Amino acid sequence: MTRTIGNIRSTEHSTQGVWPLRTQAVSYIGSACVVQGSSDFDLTDLTAVCCRFPDRHVTLDGDVITVWPSTRRDG
């Protein structure tokens, strides 16, 4: 059985200079952010997204950059 993970917000408009040039869509699933590209992103693109989310774990997998939700700190 699958479970929906909170809010899925529709694609954000790509504003020039805000996201890497290859960006086709930016979506949010809860507090996670998924950046989809028209072709594979490179390390420069990854660095640009990391700078937008300095305290978050960011991964690159070809044409997708994922900004993972912040970890909760107990206590």
Protein backbone atom coordinates (compact mmCIF):
# COMPACT_ATOMS: atom_id res chain seq x y z
CA MET A 1 0.00 0.00 0.00
CA THR A 2 1.39 3.41 -0.93
CA ARG A 3 0.93 6.59 1.02
CA THR A 4 0.88 10.16 -0.23
CA ILE A 5 3.68 12.28 1.24
CA GLY A 6 1.99 15.57 2.07
CA ASN A 7 1.55 18.36 -0.43
CA ILE A 8 2.72 18.12 -4.00
CA ARG A 9 2.96 21.62 -5.42
CA SER A 10 2.82 22.11 -9.15
CA THR A 11 5.76 23.15 -11.23
CA GLU A 12 7.30 26.51 -10.47
CA HIS A 13 8.03 28.84 -13.36
CA SER A 14 11.73 28.79 -14.20
CA THR A 15 13.01 32.31 -13.73
CA GLN A 16 16.13 33.14 -15.69
CA GLY A 17 19.18 33.21 -13.44
CA VAL A 18 17.39 31.55 -10.52
CA TRP A 19 17.74 27.91 -11.61
CA PRO A 20 20.37 26.23 -13.85
CA LEU A 21 19.92 26.91 -17.58
CA ARG A 22 18.88 23.30 -18.35
CA THR A 23 15.95 23.49 -15.90
CA GLN A 24 12.62 22.43 -17.37
CA ALA A 25 10.56 21.99 -14.19
CA VAL A 26 10.83 22.59 -10.46
CA SER A 27 8.42 20.67 -8.24
CA TYR A 28 7.95 20.38 -4.50
CA ILE A 29 6.86 17.31 -2.56
CA GLY A 30 6.43 18.51 1.00
CA SER A 31 9.69 20.31 1.77
CA ALA A 32 11.67 18.36 -0.85
CA CYS A 33 12.47 20.08 -4.15
CA VAL A 34 12.96 18.25 -7.46
CA VAL A 35 14.63 20.08 -10.36
CA GLN A 36 14.23 18.38 -13.74
CA GLY A 37 16.42 19.30 -16.69
CA SER A 38 16.25 19.08 -20.46
CA SER A 39 19.55 17.16 -20.37
CA ASP A 40 22.04 16.02 -17.74
CA PHE A 41 23.04 18.61 -15.16
CA ASP A 42 26.72 19.09 -14.31
CA LEU A 43 28.58 19.94 -11.10
CA THR A 44 28.21 23.68 -11.75
CA ASP A 45 24.42 23.21 -11.79
CA LEU A 46 24.58 21.15 -8.60
CA THR A 47 26.64 23.85 -6.90
CA ALA A 48 24.13 26.54 -7.92
CA VAL A 49 21.25 24.57 -6.37
CA CYS A 50 23.32 23.83 -3.25
CA CYS A 51 23.86 27.58 -2.82
CA ARG A 52 20.07 28.13 -2.88
CA PHE A 53 19.64 25.51 -0.12
CA PRO A 54 22.83 25.78 1.98
CA ASP A 55 21.61 23.69 4.94
CA ARG A 56 20.05 20.88 2.91
CA HIS A 57 21.33 17.63 1.39
CA VAL A 58 21.32 17.98 -2.43
CA THR A 59 21.94 15.14 -4.90
CA LEU A 60 22.50 14.94 -8.65
CA ASP A 61 21.29 12.03 -10.78
CA GLY A 62 21.67 12.88 -14.47
CA ASP A 63 18.87 15.25 -15.43
CA VAL A 64 17.40 15.44 -11.89
CA ILE A 65 18.65 17.41 -8.89
CA THR A 66 16.92 16.60 -5.60
CA VAL A 67 16.93 18.82 -2.53
CA TRP A 68 16.07 16.50 0.34
CA PRO A 69 13.93 17.55 3.31
CA SER A 70 15.75 18.81 6.38
CA THR A 71 16.31 16.20 9.03
CA ARG A 72 14.40 16.67 12.25
CA ARG A 73 16.49 17.13 15.35
CA ASP A 74 15.00 15.66 18.48
CA GLY A 75 15.55 17.18 21.88
